[in-house]
Amino acid sequence: MKQQLQRWMHALSRVPHDRIRWTLIALLALWATVHLLWLPGGATTDKSTYDQMVKRRIWAPAHDPSIVVVDIDEASLDQMKAEFGRWPWPRETLAGALDWLEQQGARAVVFDILFADVDTLNPSSDLAFSETVAASRHSFFPILRLNPANDGISQLQADQLPGFITRLAPTPTPPPTLALVPPVFKSVVDTTRLGFHNIYPDPDGVNRYYTLWEDKQGWRMWSLPARLSQEMGWHIPDKPKQLIQFNLRQDNYTRIPFSEVWRLSQSREGAKPDPRLKNAVVIVGATATNLFDIKVTPLDITQPGVFVLANVIDNMKNQRFLKELSTESHLIIAWLALLLMGMASKYLNDEQVKWCVLVVPVLLMLVSFLSLQTEWLYFLDLSSSASHSLLFFSVWSVYKTWRSKELGQLQLLREHVVHTSNAQMHECFAVLQFDKGQWNPHDVMDALPPQATTAAILSVGVMTEQTHQQPGLIYIVIWGHSAKDIEVALRSLPEVCDPAPRRFYVGESKLLAIHSKPMPDYNHFDEVLQNLDIALTYWTDERALQTPILQPH
């Protein structure tokens, strides 16, 4: 069994390395195709890679200064609790803020607060809020979309919320029932400026995408940013699911504490124009941690939801959603990268291949990282190609090292020939010298003649020098059944080697005594050195060279 395995391994080492290279490339291309086209999630962005790149960006498009967050923060809760108690405050506070913001010229006031219940303790406050909303022309309100599995048991029909839901089908279709939590105030519903403010995390719990609309039986439910875009005349993307372009920091937008807005709305000081609010899109929401409106995003595991909404509205207004490559584009890039790796590896020496194991994946990931630093708005995810390059160059480096070692075992190969041959075997050696830096040992291995049933090849040089820095001295031993055939085959080597050797020498063949035992004091290095000396003597202009040190690679 061991001998059979040795024969198989040696036969594999004799296969041309170009054939092995392209077989490996083809297998990786096949895997890339299967992974991208048929495996779940194969064509999507690598999430962990994307998160790390977003978190470490050096540059991102500047945030829109006209987007302002009125922040119900910890300080506002503390300052207003003496007058209004704990949150939720009476809604007259929100009515006063809405009225003052519109007086200051806000282009839109978007509430990131769900008005799902009446305030039974302050009915007059609710009435004041309702009247303010009825008089408002620039306010927008959220709806909570519940689990679609509960649509069948809901009593709320799609046509009961105009503006939020529109009919898609040209012919009338029965309005479906929808599981929603709409605003409790009729005046809010009557504005028709409604949209769901749900954000759906990926399976790992991180919020990277925003869904702009949902379709149900010929009806479309709009998100709050999409509904705002309709009113503002902003372009709405063609697809509902969009990759959010986050700012460099989670709180980049202009922020005004709610307590300040309330104070200004109730004082003469607030009558003065506030340049921060002129034509601004104002989002009223909470960052106070005890109100639990926090999201996990690539930037932070506790990013306030109001700032996520601000990022989405910024993306909508300025057309900054990140675009991802299609499955077809990913596949073409993967194939092209593999093709370039295969072509490049032909011209790389062994040391360079080892460096490529690290360098090429890093370069590919750097290209991905740089794609997030431009106005191009495309995220070029090359993580798959980086993985392919790591695998290819690792396997290729191991293969080349193994092949050199396998074909360099002169003594073991001779013993194998002697002990396993059933017919007489002849042995012949050759020495070839190539110009320094212009030879590849594996190309010489591929040029070994087929007449040789077994072959050994050693590159000779100084032990401290890398293979590609060696003077190009090659020692070859082949075994075959015909002495004439193996001598002729070795003499033809210069014709098939590319580049051709500068000098070559072929020794006389000799008959091996098969099934004989090796001599106890036999050292194949001595024999190699002796044969090298014969070749060097033959090359009269090389006689002055010192005897080199044998270095099998």
Protein backbone atom coordinates (compact mmCIF):
# COMPACT_ATOMS: atom_id res chain seq x y z
CA MET A 1 0.00 0.00 0.00
CA LYS A 2 2.83 2.38 0.89
CA GLN A 3 4.64 1.65 -2.36
CA GLN A 4 1.44 2.20 -4.33
CA LEU A 5 0.94 5.55 -2.60
CA GLN A 6 4.52 6.52 -3.40
CA ARG A 7 3.95 5.68 -7.08
CA TRP A 8 0.80 7.81 -7.13
CA MET A 9 2.54 10.73 -5.45
CA HIS A 10 5.45 10.58 -7.85
CA ALA A 11 3.10 10.34 -10.82
CA LEU A 12 1.30 13.45 -9.52
CA SER A 13 4.60 15.29 -9.21
CA ARG A 14 5.30 14.55 -12.90
CA VAL A 15 2.01 16.19 -13.99
CA PRO A 16 2.82 19.60 -15.56
CA HIS A 17 2.36 22.30 -12.98
CA ASP A 18 0.40 24.47 -15.42
CA ARG A 19 -2.22 21.73 -15.56
CA ILE A 20 -2.38 21.65 -11.76
CA ARG A 21 -2.60 25.46 -11.61
CA TRP A 22 -5.54 25.74 -13.97
CA THR A 23 -7.29 22.76 -12.42
CA LEU A 24 -7.11 24.53 -9.08
CA ILE A 25 -8.37 27.77 -10.65
CA ALA A 26 -11.22 25.88 -12.34
CA LEU A 27 -12.26 24.25 -9.05
CA LEU A 28 -12.29 27.63 -7.29
CA ALA A 29 -14.28 29.14 -10.18
CA LEU A 30 -16.78 26.29 -9.90
CA TRP A 31 -17.09 26.83 -6.16
CA ALA A 32 -17.55 30.60 -6.67
CA THR A 33 -20.32 29.90 -9.18
CA VAL A 34 -22.14 27.47 -6.91
CA HIS A 35 -21.71 29.76 -3.91
CA LEU A 36 -23.02 32.87 -5.70
CA LEU A 37 -25.85 31.30 -7.68
CA TRP A 38 -27.24 28.54 -5.50
CA LEU A 39 -26.17 28.80 -1.87
CA PRO A 40 -28.27 30.97 0.50
CA GLY A 41 -26.77 34.41 0.95
CA GLY A 42 -23.97 33.71 -1.49
CA ALA A 43 -24.53 36.85 -3.58
CA THR A 44 -25.07 39.21 -0.64
CA THR A 45 -22.54 41.51 0.94
CA ASP A 46 -20.25 39.93 3.50
CA LYS A 47 -21.79 41.46 6.62
CA SER A 48 -18.93 41.32 9.09
CA THR A 49 -16.47 42.69 6.52
CA TYR A 50 -18.84 45.51 5.60
CA ASP A 51 -19.38 46.43 9.27
CA GLN A 52 -15.68 46.68 10.02
CA MET A 53 -15.05 48.80 6.93
CA VAL A 54 -17.92 51.18 7.71
CA LYS A 55 -16.74 51.55 11.29
CA ARG A 56 -13.18 52.38 10.19
CA ARG A 57 -13.92 54.67 7.27
CA ILE A 58 -11.69 57.70 6.88
CA TRP A 59 -14.11 59.66 4.71
CA ALA A 60 -17.84 59.67 4.02
CA PRO A 61 -20.18 62.09 2.24
CA ALA A 62 -20.85 65.13 4.43
CA HIS A 63 -24.10 64.99 6.36
CA ASP A 64 -26.91 67.27 5.20
CA PRO A 65 -26.89 70.38 7.45
CA SER A 66 -30.59 70.96 6.78
CA ILE A 67 -31.51 67.78 8.69
CA VAL A 68 -31.99 68.65 12.36
CA VAL A 69 -32.77 66.36 15.29
CA VAL A 70 -34.90 67.70 18.14
CA ASP A 71 -33.62 65.40 20.83
CA ILE A 72 -35.56 64.10 23.79
CA ASP A 73 -32.36 63.38 25.65
CA GLU A 74 -31.50 62.64 29.26
CA ALA A 75 -30.97 66.34 30.00
CA SER A 76 -34.40 67.26 28.61
CA LEU A 77 -36.09 64.56 30.67
CA ASP A 78 -34.35 65.86 33.77
CA GLN A 79 -35.10 69.55 33.11
CA MET A 80 -38.78 69.06 32.27
CA LYS A 81 -39.71 66.53 34.94
CA ALA A 82 -40.39 69.25 37.53
CA GLU A 83 -43.19 70.70 35.38
CA PHE A 84 -44.47 67.68 33.45
CA GLY A 85 -43.26 64.67 35.41
CA ARG A 86 -41.79 61.57 33.85
CA TRP A 87 -42.08 60.65 30.18
CA PRO A 88 -44.45 60.58 28.40
CA TRP A 89 -45.16 64.25 28.90
CA PRO A 90 -48.56 65.77 28.14
CA ARG A 91 -48.86 66.12 24.38
CA GLU A 92 -49.31 69.87 24.60
CA THR A 93 -45.50 69.95 24.87
CA LEU A 94 -45.24 68.28 21.45
CA ALA A 95 -47.98 70.57 20.10
CA GLY A 96 -46.04 73.62 21.27
CA ALA A 97 -42.84 72.31 19.69
CA LEU A 98 -44.60 71.54 16.37
CA ASP A 99 -46.21 74.96 16.21
CA TRP A 100 -42.93 76.77 16.98
CA LEU A 101 -40.88 74.68 14.51
CA GLU A 102 -43.29 75.48 11.69
CA GLN A 103 -43.24 79.16 12.62
CA GLN A 104 -39.43 79.02 12.33
CA GLY A 105 -39.79 77.86 8.73
CA ALA A 106 -39.13 74.14 9.08
CA ARG A 107 -39.81 72.46 5.77
CA ALA A 108 -40.94 69.27 7.48
CA VAL A 109 -41.40 68.09 11.07
CA VAL A 110 -41.10 64.29 11.28
CA PHE A 111 -42.16 62.66 14.53
CA ASP A 112 -40.28 59.50 15.44
CA ILE A 113 -42.82 59.01 18.22
CA LEU A 114 -45.76 56.63 17.99
CA PHE A 115 -49.13 58.14 19.03
CA ALA A 116 -50.89 54.86 19.73
CA ASP A 117 -52.87 55.67 22.89
CA VAL A 118 -54.88 58.53 24.31
CA ASP A 119 -53.71 60.29 27.42
CA THR A 120 -56.64 59.69 29.78
CA LEU A 121 -55.06 61.88 32.45
CA ASN A 122 -54.69 64.90 30.14
CA PRO A 123 -57.57 64.93 27.63
CA SER A 124 -57.26 68.69 27.15
CA SER A 125 -53.61 68.25 26.30
CA ASP A 126 -54.48 65.64 23.67
CA LEU A 127 -57.09 68.02 22.26
CA ALA A 128 -54.50 70.79 21.97
CA PHE A 129 -52.16 68.44 20.14
CA SER A 130 -54.93 67.28 17.78
CA GLU A 131 -55.87 70.85 16.91
CA THR A 132 -52.25 71.80 16.28
CA VAL A 133 -51.82 68.81 13.95
CA ALA A 134 -55.01 69.74 12.07
CA ALA A 135 -53.57 73.21 11.43
CA SER A 136 -50.14 71.83 10.45
CA ARG A 137 -49.09 71.46 6.83
CA HIS A 138 -45.60 70.09 7.29
CA SER A 139 -45.86 67.35 9.93
CA PHE A 140 -45.32 63.61 9.35
CA PHE A 141 -46.23 60.75 11.66
CA PRO A 142 -45.24 57.09 12.06
CA ILE A 143 -47.23 53.89 11.93
CA LEU A 144 -46.00 50.65 13.45
CA ARG A 145 -46.12 47.68 11.09
CA LEU A 146 -46.83 44.47 13.00
CA ASN A 147 -46.00 40.91 12.00
CA PRO A 148 -47.61 40.24 8.58
CA ALA A 149 -48.64 36.82 9.92
CA ASN A 150 -51.29 38.68 11.93
CA ASP A 151 -52.82 40.46 8.93
CA GLY A 152 -55.63 37.93 8.72
CA ILE A 153 -56.93 38.65 12.22
CA SER A 154 -56.73 42.44 11.91
CA GLN A 155 -59.84 44.56 11.37
CA LEU A 156 -57.96 47.47 9.83
CA GLN A 157 -58.41 47.62 6.07
CA ALA A 158 -55.89 49.11 3.64
CA ASP A 159 -58.28 51.75 2.31
CA GLN A 160 -58.77 53.21 5.79
CA LEU A 161 -55.34 54.88 5.76
CA PRO A 162 -55.10 57.02 2.59
CA GLY A 163 -51.65 58.39 1.85
CA PHE A 164 -49.97 55.63 3.81
CA ILE A 165 -51.34 52.91 1.52
CA THR A 166 -51.87 53.26 -2.23
CA ARG A 167 -53.46 50.86 -4.68
CA LEU A 168 -51.11 49.39 -7.28
CA ALA A 169 -53.46 47.30 -9.38
CA PRO A 170 -55.26 49.18 -12.19
CA THR A 171 -58.45 47.23 -11.48
CA PRO A 172 -60.16 47.39 -8.09
CA THR A 173 -59.04 44.70 -5.68
CA PRO A 174 -60.55 44.04 -2.26
CA PRO A 175 -58.49 45.94 0.31
CA PRO A 176 -56.65 43.49 2.53
CA THR A 177 -56.64 43.70 6.30
CA LEU A 178 -53.32 44.75 7.76
CA ALA A 179 -51.74 44.32 11.18
CA LEU A 180 -50.78 47.90 12.03
CA VAL A 181 -50.70 50.28 14.97
CA PRO A 182 -51.97 53.58 13.49
CA PRO A 183 -52.07 56.93 15.27
CA VAL A 184 -54.97 57.25 17.69
CA PHE A 185 -55.79 60.80 16.58
CA LYS A 186 -58.16 61.31 13.66
CA SER A 187 -56.46 64.60 12.84
CA VAL A 188 -53.17 62.74 12.39
CA VAL A 189 -54.77 60.17 10.06
CA ASP A 190 -56.47 62.96 8.13
CA THR A 191 -53.12 64.54 7.27
CA THR A 192 -52.39 61.45 5.11
CA ARG A 193 -48.71 62.15 5.88
CA LEU A 194 -48.12 58.75 7.40
CA GLY A 195 -45.52 56.02 6.98
CA PHE A 196 -44.23 53.00 8.88
CA HIS A 197 -40.99 53.58 10.76
CA ASN A 198 -40.00 49.93 11.22
CA ILE A 199 -36.43 48.98 10.47
CA TYR A 200 -35.76 45.30 9.94
CA PRO A 201 -32.38 43.98 11.11
CA ASP A 202 -30.43 41.31 9.29
CA PRO A 203 -30.45 37.79 10.78
CA ASP A 204 -27.43 38.71 12.92
CA GLY A 205 -29.39 41.57 14.52
CA VAL A 206 -27.54 44.43 12.81
CA ASN A 207 -29.51 47.13 10.96
CA ARG A 208 -27.83 47.77 7.62
CA TYR A 209 -30.77 48.11 5.26
CA TYR A 210 -33.95 50.15 5.22
CA THR A 211 -37.18 48.98 3.60
CA LEU A 212 -38.88 51.89 1.85
CA TRP A 213 -42.16 50.15 1.11
CA GLU A 214 -44.01 46.86 1.44
CA ASP A 215 -46.54 45.40 -0.99
CA LYS A 216 -49.62 43.40 -0.03
CA GLN A 217 -52.14 42.03 -2.53
CA GLY A 218 -51.92 44.94 -4.97
CA TRP A 219 -51.55 47.61 -2.26
CA ARG A 220 -48.37 49.41 -1.22
CA MET A 221 -47.51 50.61 2.30
CA TRP A 222 -45.00 53.44 2.37
CA SER A 223 -42.30 54.00 4.94
CA LEU A 224 -42.02 57.33 6.69
CA PRO A 225 -38.90 58.41 4.69
CA ALA A 226 -40.58 57.38 1.41
CA ARG A 227 -43.76 59.27 2.29
CA LEU A 228 -41.68 62.33 3.14
CA SER A 229 -39.91 61.96 -0.22
CA GLN A 230 -43.22 61.93 -2.05
CA GLU A 231 -44.27 65.20 -0.43
CA MET A 232 -40.85 66.81 -0.94
CA GLY A 233 -40.50 65.69 -4.55
CA TRP A 234 -37.36 63.65 -3.87
CA HIS A 235 -36.48 60.69 -6.06
CA ILE A 236 -37.54 57.30 -4.70
CA PRO A 237 -35.26 54.34 -5.57
CA ASP A 238 -36.49 51.53 -7.79
CA LYS A 239 -36.08 48.84 -5.15
CA PRO A 240 -37.54 48.86 -1.64
CA LYS A 241 -34.55 47.45 0.24
CA GLN A 242 -31.64 49.89 0.36
CA LEU A 243 -28.19 49.68 1.98
CA ILE A 244 -27.85 52.67 4.32
CA GLN A 245 -24.91 55.01 3.86
CA PHE A 246 -24.10 55.91 7.47
CA ASN A 247 -22.21 59.03 8.50
CA LEU A 248 -18.74 58.82 9.95
CA ARG A 249 -20.24 59.34 13.41
CA GLN A 250 -23.59 58.21 14.68
CA ASP A 251 -24.61 61.71 15.88
CA ASN A 252 -23.30 63.93 13.07
CA TYR A 253 -26.54 65.86 12.53
CA THR A 254 -27.40 69.20 14.08
CA ARG A 255 -28.99 68.40 17.43
CA ILE A 256 -31.25 70.64 19.53
CA PRO A 257 -32.40 69.40 22.95
CA PHE A 258 -36.18 69.24 23.23
CA SER A 259 -36.04 71.24 26.45
CA GLU A 260 -34.52 74.15 24.50
CA VAL A 261 -37.22 73.96 21.84
CA TRP A 262 -39.92 73.94 24.51
CA ARG A 263 -38.37 76.89 26.32
CA LEU A 264 -38.10 78.92 23.11
CA SER A 265 -41.68 78.06 22.13
CA GLN A 266 -42.89 79.52 25.42
CA SER A 267 -40.79 82.68 25.52
CA ARG A 268 -40.26 85.94 23.63
CA GLU A 269 -36.77 84.78 22.77
CA GLY A 270 -38.32 82.15 20.52
CA ALA A 271 -39.84 84.84 18.31
CA LYS A 272 -36.43 85.52 16.85
CA PRO A 273 -35.58 83.57 13.66
CA ASP A 274 -33.46 80.49 14.28
CA PRO A 275 -31.16 79.92 11.26
CA ARG A 276 -30.81 76.25 12.18
CA LEU A 277 -34.46 75.62 11.34
CA LYS A 278 -35.06 77.62 8.18
CA ASN A 279 -36.11 75.11 5.46
CA ALA A 280 -34.90 72.30 7.71
CA VAL A 281 -36.20 68.75 7.89
CA VAL A 282 -36.69 68.36 11.63
CA ILE A 283 -36.92 64.93 13.23
CA VAL A 284 -38.37 64.77 16.74
CA GLY A 285 -37.15 61.69 18.54
CA ALA A 286 -35.41 60.32 21.61
CA THR A 287 -31.82 59.47 22.41
CA ALA A 288 -32.41 58.98 26.14
CA THR A 289 -31.37 55.40 26.85
CA ASN A 290 -34.24 54.76 29.27
CA LEU A 291 -36.71 55.29 26.40
CA PHE A 292 -35.15 52.27 24.64
CA ASP A 293 -35.14 53.60 21.08
CA ILE A 294 -31.73 52.18 20.22
CA LYS A 295 -30.58 50.13 17.25
CA VAL A 296 -27.60 47.94 16.47
CA THR A 297 -25.83 49.31 13.40
CA PRO A 298 -22.40 48.89 11.80
CA LEU A 299 -21.34 52.06 13.64
CA ASP A 300 -22.46 51.15 17.14
CA ILE A 301 -24.39 48.53 19.04
CA THR A 302 -26.42 51.31 20.73
CA GLN A 303 -27.13 53.88 18.03
CA PRO A 304 -30.27 55.96 18.74
CA GLY A 305 -33.06 55.13 16.34
CA VAL A 306 -33.71 58.81 15.61
CA PHE A 307 -30.21 59.14 14.14
CA VAL A 308 -30.72 56.01 12.02
CA LEU A 309 -33.89 57.65 10.67
CA ALA A 310 -31.90 60.85 10.04
CA ASN A 311 -29.36 58.85 7.99
CA VAL A 312 -32.13 57.28 5.91
CA ILE A 313 -33.82 60.64 5.25
CA ASP A 314 -30.42 62.09 4.30
CA ASN A 315 -29.90 59.16 1.90
CA MET A 316 -33.33 59.72 0.38
CA LYS A 317 -32.92 63.46 -0.05
CA ASN A 318 -29.41 63.34 -1.50
CA GLN A 319 -29.56 59.96 -3.27
CA ARG A 320 -26.82 58.45 -1.13
CA PHE A 321 -27.94 54.90 -0.53
CA LEU A 322 -25.06 52.53 -1.18
CA LYS A 323 -25.44 50.35 -4.25
CA GLU A 324 -24.37 46.73 -4.34
CA LEU A 325 -23.17 44.77 -7.33
CA SER A 326 -25.54 42.33 -8.94
CA THR A 327 -25.03 38.58 -8.69
CA GLU A 328 -23.82 38.54 -12.29
CA SER A 329 -21.28 41.28 -11.57
CA HIS A 330 -20.04 39.44 -8.47
CA LEU A 331 -19.61 36.29 -10.55
CA ILE A 332 -17.72 38.06 -13.35
CA ILE A 333 -15.41 39.73 -10.82
CA ALA A 334 -14.76 36.40 -9.08
CA TRP A 335 -13.94 34.70 -12.39
CA LEU A 336 -11.77 37.58 -13.57
CA ALA A 337 -9.85 37.72 -10.28
CA LEU A 338 -9.19 33.97 -10.45
CA LEU A 339 -8.03 34.26 -14.06
CA LEU A 340 -5.62 37.06 -13.15
CA MET A 341 -4.32 35.07 -10.17
CA GLY A 342 -3.70 32.06 -12.39
CA MET A 343 -1.88 34.13 -15.02
CA ALA A 344 0.18 36.04 -12.45
CA SER A 345 1.25 32.90 -10.62
CA LYS A 346 3.00 31.67 -13.76
CA TYR A 347 5.52 34.50 -13.47
CA LEU A 348 6.02 34.45 -9.70
CA ASN A 349 8.89 32.63 -8.07
CA ASP A 350 8.39 30.51 -4.97
CA GLU A 351 9.18 33.31 -2.55
CA GLN A 352 6.79 35.71 -4.26
CA VAL A 353 4.02 33.11 -4.16
CA LYS A 354 4.46 32.84 -0.40
CA TRP A 355 4.14 36.60 -0.04
CA CYS A 356 1.01 36.56 -2.20
CA VAL A 357 -0.71 34.44 0.42
CA LEU A 358 -0.81 37.57 2.57
CA VAL A 359 -0.46 40.46 0.15
CA VAL A 360 -3.15 39.68 -2.45
CA PRO A 361 -6.06 39.25 0.04
CA VAL A 362 -4.99 42.45 1.79
CA LEU A 363 -4.91 44.35 -1.51
CA LEU A 364 -8.35 43.08 -2.50
CA MET A 365 -9.81 44.08 0.87
CA LEU A 366 -8.12 47.46 0.53
CA VAL A 367 -9.92 48.00 -2.79
CA SER A 368 -13.21 47.17 -1.05
CA PHE A 369 -12.37 49.61 1.73
CA LEU A 370 -11.48 52.37 -0.74
CA SER A 371 -14.80 51.89 -2.54
CA LEU A 372 -16.48 53.22 0.62
CA GLN A 373 -14.29 56.34 0.62
CA THR A 374 -15.60 57.86 -2.62
CA GLU A 375 -18.69 59.51 -4.06
CA TRP A 376 -19.09 56.47 -6.32
CA LEU A 377 -21.77 55.09 -3.94
CA TYR A 378 -20.98 51.50 -4.89
CA PHE A 379 -19.70 49.08 -2.29
CA LEU A 380 -17.32 46.77 -4.11
CA ASP A 381 -17.35 43.65 -1.96
CA LEU A 382 -14.23 41.62 -2.83
CA SER A 383 -14.22 39.48 0.29
CA SER A 384 -15.00 36.34 -1.74
CA SER A 385 -12.12 37.01 -4.13
CA ALA A 386 -9.87 37.69 -1.15
CA SER A 387 -10.82 34.29 0.28
CA HIS A 388 -10.20 32.66 -3.10
CA SER A 389 -6.76 34.27 -3.35
CA LEU A 390 -5.83 33.18 0.16
CA LEU A 391 -6.82 29.60 -0.64
CA PHE A 392 -5.26 29.54 -4.10
CA PHE A 393 -1.86 30.96 -3.17
CA SER A 394 -1.70 28.88 0.01
CA VAL A 395 -2.39 25.65 -1.88
CA TRP A 396 -0.14 26.70 -4.77
CA SER A 397 2.76 27.47 -2.43
CA VAL A 398 2.35 24.15 -0.59
CA TYR A 399 2.08 22.28 -3.89
CA LYS A 400 5.24 23.80 -5.35
CA THR A 401 7.20 23.12 -2.17
CA TRP A 402 5.93 19.54 -2.05
CA ARG A 403 6.65 18.96 -5.75
CA SER A 404 10.23 20.22 -5.45
CA LYS A 405 10.77 18.00 -2.43
CA GLU A 406 9.16 14.98 -4.09
CA LEU A 407 11.31 15.25 -7.21
CA GLY A 408 14.41 16.03 -5.17
CA GLN A 409 14.50 12.71 -3.26
CA LEU A 410 17.26 11.21 -5.39
CA GLN A 411 18.29 8.42 -3.04
CA LEU A 412 14.74 7.32 -2.19
CA LEU A 413 13.71 7.34 -5.85
CA ARG A 414 16.73 5.29 -6.86
CA GLU A 415 16.01 2.74 -4.12
CA HIS A 416 12.41 2.58 -5.25
CA VAL A 417 13.50 1.90 -8.85
CA VAL A 418 16.00 -0.74 -7.74
CA HIS A 419 13.60 -2.64 -5.49
CA THR A 420 10.37 -2.48 -7.54
CA SER A 421 11.48 -2.89 -11.17
CA ASN A 422 10.78 -6.17 -12.90
CA ALA A 423 13.02 -5.44 -15.91
CA GLN A 424 16.46 -3.98 -16.35
CA MET A 425 16.66 -0.23 -15.73
CA HIS A 426 19.18 2.33 -16.92
CA GLU A 427 20.14 5.58 -15.23
CA CYS A 428 21.43 8.77 -16.81
CA PHE A 429 22.18 12.23 -15.46
CA ALA A 430 22.35 15.71 -16.97
CA VAL A 431 23.51 19.11 -15.73
CA LEU A 432 21.96 22.31 -17.11
CA GLN A 433 22.93 25.89 -16.39
CA PHE A 434 20.49 28.79 -16.90
CA ASP A 435 21.11 32.51 -16.66
CA LYS A 436 20.51 33.83 -13.17
CA GLY A 437 16.93 34.92 -12.57
CA GLN A 438 15.72 33.57 -15.94
CA TRP A 439 14.71 30.05 -15.02
CA ASN A 440 11.98 28.26 -13.16
CA PRO A 441 12.69 24.82 -11.68
CA HIS A 442 9.09 23.76 -12.27
CA ASP A 443 9.34 24.54 -15.97
CA VAL A 444 12.38 22.24 -16.12
CA MET A 445 10.42 19.57 -14.25
CA ASP A 446 7.64 19.84 -16.83
CA ALA A 447 10.17 19.42 -19.62
CA LEU A 448 11.40 16.08 -18.28
CA PRO A 449 11.02 13.47 -21.02
CA PRO A 450 8.16 10.94 -20.91
CA GLN A 451 10.66 8.15 -21.62
CA ALA A 452 11.79 8.47 -18.01
CA THR A 453 9.68 6.18 -15.84
CA THR A 454 11.10 7.96 -12.78
CA ALA A 455 13.07 11.20 -12.45
CA ALA A 456 14.82 13.31 -9.83
CA ILE A 457 15.74 16.97 -10.15
CA LEU A 458 17.85 19.13 -7.86
CA SER A 459 18.60 22.83 -8.10
CA VAL A 460 22.14 23.55 -7.02
CA GLY A 461 23.34 26.73 -5.39
CA VAL A 462 24.41 28.42 -2.20
CA MET A 463 22.30 27.40 0.79
CA THR A 464 21.66 30.99 1.93
CA GLU A 465 20.29 32.15 -1.43
CA GLN A 466 16.64 32.05 -2.49
CA THR A 467 15.74 29.76 -5.39
CA HIS A 468 15.20 32.60 -7.87
CA GLN A 469 18.60 34.07 -6.92
CA GLN A 470 20.52 30.86 -7.64
CA PRO A 471 22.93 30.71 -10.57
CA GLY A 472 20.54 28.33 -12.31
CA LEU A 473 22.45 25.08 -12.03
CA ILE A 474 20.12 22.05 -12.39
CA TYR A 475 21.05 18.39 -11.80
CA ILE A 476 18.71 15.77 -13.28
CA VAL A 477 18.68 11.99 -12.98
CA ILE A 478 16.22 9.85 -14.93
CA TRP A 479 15.64 6.10 -15.11
CA GLY A 480 14.23 4.13 -18.00
CA HIS A 481 14.29 0.75 -19.73
CA SER A 482 16.33 1.92 -22.74
CA ALA A 483 19.74 3.54 -22.25
CA LYS A 484 19.63 5.11 -25.71
CA ASP A 485 16.14 6.55 -25.21
CA ILE A 486 16.92 8.26 -21.94
CA GLU A 487 20.21 9.69 -23.28
CA VAL A 488 18.44 11.05 -26.38
CA ALA A 489 15.64 12.44 -24.20
CA LEU A 490 18.06 14.31 -21.96
CA ARG A 491 19.95 15.70 -24.95
CA SER A 492 16.66 17.12 -26.26
CA LEU A 493 16.01 19.08 -23.05
CA PRO A 494 17.56 22.35 -24.31
CA GLU A 495 15.09 22.34 -27.19
CA VAL A 496 11.99 22.06 -24.98
CA CYS A 497 13.09 24.29 -22.08
CA ASP A 498 11.93 27.90 -22.20
CA PRO A 499 14.22 29.72 -21.79
CA ALA A 500 16.87 27.37 -23.12
CA PRO A 501 19.82 26.63 -20.82
CA ARG A 502 23.07 28.46 -21.46
CA ARG A 503 25.08 25.22 -21.06
CA PHE A 504 24.21 21.60 -20.61
CA TYR A 505 25.99 18.30 -20.13
CA VAL A 506 24.64 14.76 -20.41
CA GLY A 507 26.53 11.94 -18.73
CA GLU A 508 26.78 8.34 -19.87
CA SER A 509 23.96 6.00 -18.91
CA LYS A 510 24.61 3.04 -16.67
CA LEU A 511 22.77 -0.19 -15.95
CA LEU A 512 21.28 -0.57 -12.47
CA ALA A 513 21.43 -3.81 -10.58
CA ILE A 514 17.80 -4.22 -9.66
CA HIS A 515 16.73 -5.78 -6.32
CA SER A 516 20.23 -5.03 -4.96
CA LYS A 517 20.81 -3.60 -1.49
CA PRO A 518 22.31 -0.12 -1.17
CA MET A 519 25.88 0.08 -0.03
CA PRO A 520 26.14 0.98 3.67
CA ASP A 521 28.54 3.84 3.05
CA TYR A 522 26.70 5.17 -0.03
CA ASN A 523 26.03 8.91 -0.05
CA HIS A 524 24.14 10.27 -3.04
CA PHE A 525 25.43 13.79 -2.34
CA ASP A 526 28.96 12.60 -3.03
CA GLU A 527 27.80 11.13 -6.31
CA VAL A 528 26.04 14.34 -7.28
CA LEU A 529 29.10 16.42 -6.46
CA GLN A 530 31.26 14.05 -8.49
CA ASN A 531 28.97 14.31 -11.51
CA LEU A 532 28.79 18.09 -11.15
CA ASP A 533 32.57 18.20 -11.17
CA ILE A 534 32.55 16.22 -14.41
CA ALA A 535 30.16 18.71 -15.97
CA LEU A 536 32.06 21.73 -14.70
CA THR A 537 35.29 20.29 -16.02
CA TYR A 538 33.61 19.77 -19.37
CA TRP A 539 32.71 23.46 -19.41
CA THR A 540 36.27 24.72 -19.67
CA ASP A 541 35.30 28.30 -18.87
CA GLU A 542 33.75 27.13 -15.57
CA ARG A 543 36.84 25.34 -14.18
CA ALA A 544 37.72 28.20 -11.88
CA LEU A 545 34.39 27.97 -10.06
CA GLN A 546 34.48 26.57 -6.57
CA THR A 547 32.53 23.41 -6.01
CA PRO A 548 29.01 24.59 -5.08
CA ILE A 549 27.03 23.42 -2.08
CA LEU A 550 24.17 21.12 -2.92
CA GLN A 551 20.80 22.62 -2.06
CA PRO A 552 17.68 20.59 -2.78
CA HIS A 553 14.52 22.70 -2.92
